[in-house]
Protein backbone atom coordinates (compact mmCIF):
# COMPACT_ATOMS: atom_id res chain seq x y z
CA MET A 1 -10.43 -9.58 18.22
CA SER A 2 -7.54 -11.88 17.35
CA ASN A 3 -4.99 -10.16 14.74
CA SER A 4 -3.72 -13.19 13.58
CA LEU A 5 -4.08 -14.25 9.92
CA SER A 6 -4.63 -18.05 10.90
CA ASP A 7 -7.62 -16.85 13.21
CA ASN A 8 -9.40 -15.18 10.03
CA ARG A 9 -9.49 -18.16 7.82
CA ILE A 10 -12.67 -18.50 5.72
CA ASP A 11 -14.65 -21.45 6.12
CA GLY A 12 -11.11 -23.12 7.23
CA ARG A 13 -9.56 -21.79 4.24
CA PRO A 14 -7.09 -19.01 3.56
CA PRO A 15 -7.97 -15.91 2.04
CA ARG A 16 -7.65 -16.38 -1.42
CA VAL A 17 -5.79 -13.10 -3.04
CA VAL A 18 -5.31 -11.44 -6.29
CA GLN A 19 -1.98 -9.65 -6.81
CA TRP A 20 -2.69 -6.80 -9.09
CA ALA A 21 0.20 -4.91 -10.87
CA THR A 22 3.70 -6.29 -10.77
CA GLY A 23 6.04 -3.24 -10.57
CA ASN A 24 8.73 -2.93 -7.53
CA ILE A 25 6.27 -3.07 -5.25
CA GLY A 26 3.44 -5.57 -6.56
CA THR A 27 6.45 -7.91 -7.14
CA ARG A 28 7.59 -7.82 -3.73
CA ALA A 29 3.94 -8.17 -2.52
CA LEU A 30 3.32 -11.18 -4.58
CA ARG A 31 6.22 -13.03 -3.29
CA GLY A 32 4.94 -12.25 -0.06
CA VAL A 33 1.13 -13.86 -0.80
CA ILE A 34 2.92 -16.94 -2.23
CA GLU A 35 5.31 -17.58 0.62
CA HIS A 36 2.67 -16.77 3.43
CA PRO A 37 1.57 -19.78 5.31
CA ASP A 38 -1.76 -18.61 5.43
CA LEU A 39 -2.65 -17.02 2.15
CA GLU A 40 -3.23 -18.27 -1.05
CA LEU A 41 -2.60 -16.95 -4.49
CA ALA A 42 -5.49 -17.03 -7.06
CA GLY A 43 -4.49 -14.64 -9.62
CA VAL A 44 -2.50 -11.85 -10.81
CA TYR A 45 -2.93 -9.05 -13.08
CA VAL A 46 -0.19 -7.35 -15.12
CA TYR A 47 -0.28 -4.24 -17.17
CA SER A 48 2.45 -5.38 -20.03
CA ASP A 49 2.00 -8.28 -22.93
CA ASP A 50 5.51 -9.46 -21.70
CA LYS A 51 4.27 -10.54 -18.68
CA ASP A 52 0.66 -11.81 -19.60
CA GLY A 53 0.63 -15.76 -19.30
CA ARG A 54 3.82 -16.11 -17.23
CA ASP A 55 3.85 -18.18 -14.02
CA ALA A 56 3.65 -15.80 -10.96
CA GLY A 57 6.45 -17.57 -9.44
CA GLU A 58 8.63 -16.62 -12.15
CA LEU A 59 7.58 -13.14 -12.12
CA CYS A 60 8.84 -12.77 -8.21
CA GLY A 61 11.85 -14.62 -8.77
CA LEU A 62 10.35 -18.07 -7.27
CA ASP A 63 9.96 -21.47 -8.59
CA PRO A 64 6.42 -21.85 -10.71
CA VAL A 65 3.41 -21.88 -8.34
CA GLY A 66 0.88 -22.85 -11.23
CA VAL A 67 -0.95 -19.46 -11.47
CA ALA A 68 -0.33 -17.64 -14.64
CA ALA A 69 -0.56 -13.75 -14.87
CA THR A 70 -3.20 -12.29 -16.93
CA ARG A 71 -4.26 -9.11 -18.56
CA ASP A 72 -7.76 -10.42 -18.51
CA ILE A 73 -9.79 -8.41 -15.82
CA ASP A 74 -12.93 -10.17 -16.50
CA ARG A 75 -11.40 -13.61 -15.32
CA LEU A 76 -9.91 -12.44 -12.29
CA VAL A 77 -13.01 -10.80 -11.33
CA ASP A 78 -14.80 -13.67 -11.61
CA LEU A 79 -12.24 -15.71 -9.73
CA GLY A 80 -14.21 -14.66 -6.61
CA ALA A 81 -11.25 -14.04 -4.39
CA ASP A 82 -11.21 -12.68 -1.00
CA CYS A 83 -9.12 -9.86 -1.46
CA VAL A 84 -7.06 -7.83 -4.08
CA LEU A 85 -3.94 -6.25 -3.62
CA TYR A 86 -4.25 -3.32 -5.89
CA MET A 87 -0.79 -1.85 -6.58
CA ALA A 88 -1.54 -0.12 -9.62
CA ARG A 89 0.66 2.70 -10.59
CA ALA A 90 -2.23 5.15 -11.24
CA LEU A 91 -6.04 4.96 -9.82
CA ASP A 92 -8.25 3.61 -12.09
CA VAL A 93 -11.62 4.26 -10.24
CA ASP A 94 -13.74 2.02 -12.90
CA GLU A 95 -11.26 -0.96 -11.86
CA ILE A 96 -11.35 -0.19 -8.39
CA CYS A 97 -15.21 -0.12 -8.40
CA ARG A 98 -15.67 -2.97 -10.12
CA ILE A 99 -13.56 -5.43 -7.94
CA LEU A 100 -15.71 -4.29 -4.96
CA LEU A 101 -19.07 -4.64 -6.97
CA SER A 102 -17.83 -8.36 -7.17
CA GLY A 103 -17.77 -8.62 -3.46
CA THR A 104 -13.69 -8.53 -3.30
CA ASN A 105 -12.08 -6.92 -0.97
CA ILE A 106 -8.94 -4.41 -1.35
CA VAL A 107 -5.89 -3.68 0.28
CA THR A 108 -3.90 -1.11 -1.79
CA THR A 109 -0.83 0.80 -1.36
CA ARG A 110 -2.30 3.96 -3.26
CA GLY A 111 -2.90 6.82 -0.99
CA GLU A 112 -6.66 7.85 -1.98
CA PHE A 113 -8.21 6.17 0.87
CA HIS A 114 -6.66 7.16 4.07
CA HIS A 115 -9.09 9.39 5.17
CA PRO A 116 -12.60 9.07 3.37
CA ALA A 117 -13.71 12.80 4.86
CA SER A 118 -10.92 14.61 2.85
CA MET A 119 -11.33 12.39 -0.40
CA ASP A 120 -12.77 14.16 -3.34
CA PRO A 121 -16.59 13.53 -2.82
CA GLU A 122 -17.41 12.05 -6.14
CA LEU A 123 -14.89 9.45 -5.75
CA ARG A 124 -15.95 8.47 -2.30
CA GLU A 125 -19.40 8.14 -3.11
CA ARG A 126 -18.66 6.11 -6.33
CA VAL A 127 -16.23 3.94 -3.91
CA GLU A 128 -18.99 3.92 -0.73
CA ALA A 129 -21.61 2.70 -3.34
CA ALA A 130 -19.33 -0.10 -4.65
CA CYS A 131 -18.52 -1.18 -1.43
CA LYS A 132 -22.00 -1.34 0.15
CA LEU A 133 -23.48 -2.91 -3.51
CA GLY A 134 -20.46 -5.79 -2.95
CA GLY A 135 -20.41 -6.26 0.53
CA ALA A 136 -16.98 -5.43 0.45
CA SER A 137 -13.85 -3.09 2.05
CA ILE A 138 -11.10 -1.15 0.95
CA HIS A 139 -8.01 -0.10 2.53
CA SER A 140 -4.91 2.18 1.80
CA THR A 141 -1.66 1.40 3.69
CA GLY A 142 2.11 1.22 3.30
CA SER A 143 5.46 2.68 4.71
CA SER A 144 4.99 6.28 4.04
CA PRO A 145 2.04 7.17 4.12
CA GLY A 146 0.59 4.80 6.78
CA PHE A 147 3.08 2.76 9.43
CA ILE A 148 5.47 5.87 9.78
CA THR A 149 2.24 8.85 9.78
CA GLU A 150 -0.34 6.58 11.40
CA ALA A 151 0.80 3.30 13.15
CA ILE A 152 4.03 4.37 14.84
CA PRO A 153 2.35 7.80 15.81
CA MET A 154 -0.51 6.24 17.54
CA VAL A 155 1.75 4.01 19.68
CA LEU A 156 4.05 6.93 20.45
CA SER A 157 1.08 8.97 21.69
CA SER A 158 -0.54 5.94 23.66
CA ILE A 159 2.14 7.43 26.86
CA GLN A 160 0.79 10.82 26.52
CA ARG A 161 -1.85 12.71 28.00
CA ARG A 162 -1.28 16.13 26.44
CA LEU A 163 0.24 16.44 22.68
CA ASP A 164 1.69 19.81 21.98
CA PHE A 165 3.53 18.88 18.74
CA LEU A 166 4.57 15.63 16.78
CA ALA A 167 7.15 15.98 13.80
CA ILE A 168 7.96 13.36 11.73
CA ASP A 169 11.16 13.69 9.47
CA GLU A 170 11.76 11.40 6.38
CA PHE A 171 15.43 11.17 5.32
CA ALA A 172 16.12 9.26 1.78
CA ASP A 173 19.53 9.34 0.02
CA LEU A 174 18.71 8.80 -3.56
CA SER A 175 22.34 8.50 -5.15
CA GLN A 176 21.89 5.28 -5.56
CA ARG A 177 18.36 4.56 -7.07
CA ALA A 178 18.75 3.85 -10.61
CA THR A 179 15.19 5.15 -11.80
CA PRO A 180 16.07 8.38 -13.56
CA GLU A 181 12.36 8.50 -14.47
CA ILE A 182 11.17 8.78 -11.15
CA LEU A 183 14.12 10.95 -9.67
CA PHE A 184 14.41 13.63 -12.90
CA ASP A 185 10.64 13.50 -14.24
CA ILE A 186 8.72 13.01 -11.48
CA MET A 187 10.66 14.31 -8.37
CA GLY A 188 12.31 17.22 -10.20
CA PHE A 189 16.10 16.51 -9.66
CA GLY A 190 18.54 17.90 -11.89
CA ARG A 191 16.40 20.93 -12.54
CA GLU A 192 16.89 24.57 -12.35
CA PRO A 193 15.68 25.62 -8.99
CA GLY A 194 13.18 28.25 -10.39
CA ASP A 195 11.64 25.24 -12.13
CA PHE A 196 10.91 23.43 -8.61
CA ALA A 197 6.95 23.01 -9.88
CA ALA A 198 4.40 24.07 -7.24
CA TRP A 199 2.22 20.57 -8.58
CA ARG A 200 5.25 18.48 -6.58
CA VAL A 201 4.57 20.35 -3.29
CA ALA A 202 0.64 19.81 -3.80
CA HIS A 203 1.39 16.16 -5.05
CA VAL A 204 3.02 15.52 -1.50
CA ARG A 205 0.48 17.37 0.28
CA ASP A 206 -2.15 15.40 -1.12
CA SER A 207 -0.29 11.96 -0.29
CA PHE A 208 0.26 12.78 3.30
CA ALA A 209 -2.53 15.35 4.51
CA PRO A 210 -5.14 12.25 4.51
CA SER A 211 -2.75 10.43 6.61
CA LEU A 212 -1.99 13.33 9.09
CA HIS A 213 -5.91 13.96 9.36
CA THR A 214 -6.67 10.31 10.21
CA LEU A 215 -4.08 10.51 12.88
CA ALA A 216 -5.60 13.68 14.29
CA ASP A 217 -8.89 11.88 14.19
CA GLY A 218 -7.68 9.36 16.37
CA LEU A 219 -6.26 11.28 19.09
CA GLY A 220 -9.40 13.35 19.12
CA LEU A 221 -7.49 16.57 18.08
CA GLY A 222 -9.26 17.16 14.46
CA LEU A 223 -6.89 19.62 12.66
CA ASP A 224 -8.56 22.72 11.19
CA SER A 225 -6.26 22.87 8.03
CA ILE A 226 -3.05 21.80 6.19
CA GLU A 227 -0.31 23.80 5.32
CA ALA A 228 2.75 22.74 2.77
CA ARG A 229 5.51 24.56 1.79
CA GLY A 230 8.67 23.21 -0.46
CA GLU A 231 12.46 24.33 -0.59
CA VAL A 232 15.42 22.95 -2.46
CA ALA A 233 19.28 22.99 -2.45
CA THR A 234 21.23 22.82 -5.38
CA THR A 235 24.91 20.80 -5.89
CA PRO A 236 27.88 22.85 -6.48
CA VAL A 237 29.48 20.62 -9.15
CA ASP A 238 28.40 18.25 -11.61
CA LEU A 239 26.90 14.75 -9.41
CA GLN A 240 27.07 11.47 -10.82
CA ILE A 241 24.69 9.44 -9.05
CA ALA A 242 23.25 6.00 -10.12
CA ALA A 243 20.00 7.33 -12.22
CA GLY A 244 22.52 9.81 -14.24
CA ILE A 245 24.09 13.35 -14.01
CA VAL A 246 22.75 16.11 -11.65
CA PRO A 247 24.01 19.07 -13.43
CA ALA A 248 25.87 21.90 -11.20
CA GLY A 249 23.53 24.51 -9.96
CA THR A 250 20.48 22.29 -10.21
CA VAL A 251 18.28 20.82 -7.41
CA ALA A 252 20.18 17.81 -5.45
CA ALA A 253 18.30 17.85 -2.43
CA GLN A 254 14.26 18.68 -1.66
CA ARG A 255 12.39 19.25 1.59
CA ILE A 256 8.92 19.56 1.38
CA THR A 257 6.87 20.24 4.77
CA ILE A 258 3.12 19.14 5.62
CA ILE A 259 1.84 20.83 8.59
CA GLY A 260 -1.48 19.94 10.42
CA ILE A 261 -2.70 23.06 12.28
CA ARG A 262 -5.32 23.04 14.98
CA ASP A 263 -6.35 26.15 16.93
CA ASP A 264 -4.00 28.51 14.73
CA LYS A 265 -0.58 26.25 15.91
CA PRO A 266 1.13 23.41 14.30
CA LEU A 267 -0.08 20.15 15.77
CA LEU A 268 1.17 17.52 13.65
CA GLN A 269 4.12 17.72 10.78
CA PHE A 270 5.47 15.30 8.09
CA ARG A 271 8.71 16.25 6.54
CA ALA A 272 10.11 14.83 3.56
CA ASN A 273 14.14 15.01 3.20
CA TRP A 274 15.00 13.76 0.03
CA TYR A 275 18.44 14.18 -1.40
CA CYS A 276 21.01 13.04 -3.93
CA SER A 277 24.11 14.41 -1.97
CA THR A 278 24.70 15.88 1.13
CA ASP A 279 27.22 18.69 -0.54
CA ILE A 280 24.52 21.07 -1.41
CA ASP A 281 24.24 24.86 -0.97
CA ALA A 282 21.81 24.62 2.24
CA ASP A 283 22.72 24.04 5.78
CA TRP A 284 20.62 21.09 6.27
CA GLU A 285 20.70 18.29 8.88
CA LEU A 286 20.23 15.32 6.28
CA GLY A 287 19.93 12.23 8.35
CA THR A 288 20.62 8.41 7.42
CA THR A 289 18.06 7.09 5.20
CA GLY A 290 14.92 6.22 7.71
CA TRP A 291 12.94 8.41 9.88
CA HIS A 292 13.07 10.73 12.98
CA ILE A 293 9.80 11.19 14.90
CA SER A 294 9.85 14.09 18.01
CA VAL A 295 6.99 14.15 20.53
CA ASP A 296 6.50 17.29 22.41
CA GLY A 297 3.91 16.33 25.03
CA ASP A 298 3.65 15.45 28.77
CA ALA A 299 5.90 12.42 28.01
CA PRO A 300 8.58 13.75 25.21
CA LEU A 301 10.12 11.33 23.00
CA GLU A 302 13.02 11.36 20.13
CA VAL A 303 12.67 8.10 18.10
CA ASP A 304 14.77 7.28 15.23
CA LEU A 305 14.13 4.46 12.76
CA ILE A 306 17.71 3.66 10.80
CA PHE A 307 17.17 1.17 7.55
CA PRO A 308 20.53 -0.52 8.54
CA VAL A 309 21.07 -1.49 4.56
CA PRO A 310 23.87 -0.32 2.19
CA LEU A 311 22.97 2.60 -0.24
CA GLU A 312 23.73 0.21 -3.00
CA ARG A 313 20.88 -2.45 -1.89
CA MET A 314 18.27 -0.16 -1.07
CA SER A 315 16.39 -0.30 -4.12
CA GLU A 316 16.52 -3.96 -3.62
CA MET A 317 15.33 -3.83 -0.01
CA ALA A 318 13.02 -0.66 -0.05
CA PRO A 319 9.65 -2.24 -1.63
CA SER A 320 9.66 -4.40 1.65
CA TYR A 321 9.19 -1.61 4.01
CA THR A 322 5.80 -1.04 1.64
CA ALA A 323 4.40 -3.94 0.42
CA ASN A 324 4.66 -6.02 3.72
CA ARG A 325 2.21 -4.17 5.74
CA ALA A 326 -0.13 -4.50 2.65
CA VAL A 327 0.08 -8.31 2.81
CA ASN A 328 -0.08 -8.41 6.59
CA ALA A 329 -3.31 -6.28 6.80
CA ILE A 330 -5.25 -8.55 4.48
CA ALA A 331 -7.24 -10.67 6.76
CA LEU A 332 -8.03 -7.61 8.95
CA VAL A 333 -9.64 -5.87 5.62
CA VAL A 334 -11.37 -9.37 4.83
CA ALA A 335 -12.85 -9.37 8.08
CA ALA A 336 -13.97 -5.87 8.29
CA PRO A 337 -17.24 -4.33 7.61
CA PRO A 338 -18.18 -2.96 4.06
CA GLY A 339 -16.76 0.35 3.58
CA ILE A 340 -13.40 2.42 3.34
CA CYS A 341 -11.27 1.40 6.15
CA THR A 342 -8.99 3.39 7.85
CA THR A 343 -6.15 2.58 10.40
CA LEU A 344 -8.55 3.58 12.85
CA ASP A 345 -11.25 1.15 12.00
CA LEU A 346 -8.94 -1.67 11.82
CA PRO A 347 -7.19 -3.88 14.89
CA GLN A 348 -3.54 -3.52 14.98
CA VAL A 349 -1.92 -5.03 12.22
CA ILE A 350 0.43 -7.54 13.41
CA ALA A 351 2.41 -9.99 11.02
CA ALA A 352 1.80 -13.68 11.48
CA LEU A 353 5.24 -15.24 11.17
CA GLY A 354 4.95 -18.67 12.27
C-alpha cells in the first residue's frame, strides 16, 4: 500500500479537511493544511468570538484563502469533510462522536486513543459505536507521545532479535517559554516541593502509558503493568524565566518516569526531564532540548535527537513537531477501516513533500 497522500485521493480529489481549534498546535496544523498540495481546507472551528468569521489564512499568518472560521458546529458537520484535525484543549466526547457519526474521520493530537484496550471502557464503547455507525476512523498522534514513543522505537527495534530494555529520555528547557498558565498552574513550577501533587504524575502516566502499551503490543511483548514516579528539584536563587519568577527553594526542574513492566522487570521506559534551569539542588544530567533513546538488546543503540533551535525561538518552532505528524497522517486515516486506529493499524507515516 502506498503512503503518499497523492495516491490516496478520493474520486480524483484531495481529502477535504476541517481544522478543529486554533491554539498553538492547531494554528500550525491549519497552516500545514493550507500549504499542502494534496489537501483541501474545508472549514475551521474556533472557540472564541474574536476568531469567529475571520479568514483561515489570516488566523495562521497567511494570505486569505476564502474559508471563514466559525463556531457553528452544525455548519461544519454538514460539510461532509473527509477528516477533522481535532486539536481541542479538552476532550469533548459528544463532539467527537458527532463528527464520527457524520462519517468524517478524525486525526487528533489528544492522547486518549493511542491504545483502545487501556481506554476507559465507556469512552471506548461510545467512540467505537460512533465509528461503526458513521463508517469513520479516529487516530491519536503527535510528537510525544506518538513519534518518539511509537514510530521511532519501532524503527530502532527493527534491527533487534532480543530486546531487554528500551528507554526514552525527553529533555525540555522551558526557561524561554512565555506561558505562565502552563508552567506555573499546570506543570507546577514555582511551587513548594511538597506541593508537587500526585495528580501531576498521574496525568503524565495517563498520557504516556497507552503509547508504551501500543509499542509493547507491536513488539509482541505485552506489558503486565505500568509504574510511575515523580521527582523534583529546586532553584537556590530567585529565577527569572520568560513566564515569570521561580522563587528560591521552589520547583525548577522535574523528572517523571513511566515504566512498562513485563515478567517483573522493566522493559520500556519514558522519562520526562522538564526544567527551567540547570542550577538546581539535584545531580541530574539534563540534556539539550530533544530526546535520547537507549536500546539494550542484541543490537544495542544510543540515539540522540536534538532540536537545533535557539531557546528564544523554541516556542515558535515547537508546534511543528506535533502538528506536522497529524497533518501527514490524514490520508492514511481517511483510507483506514472504521474504528479506533493505532500506529499498528496504519502504514508508516511518510510526508508527501513534493
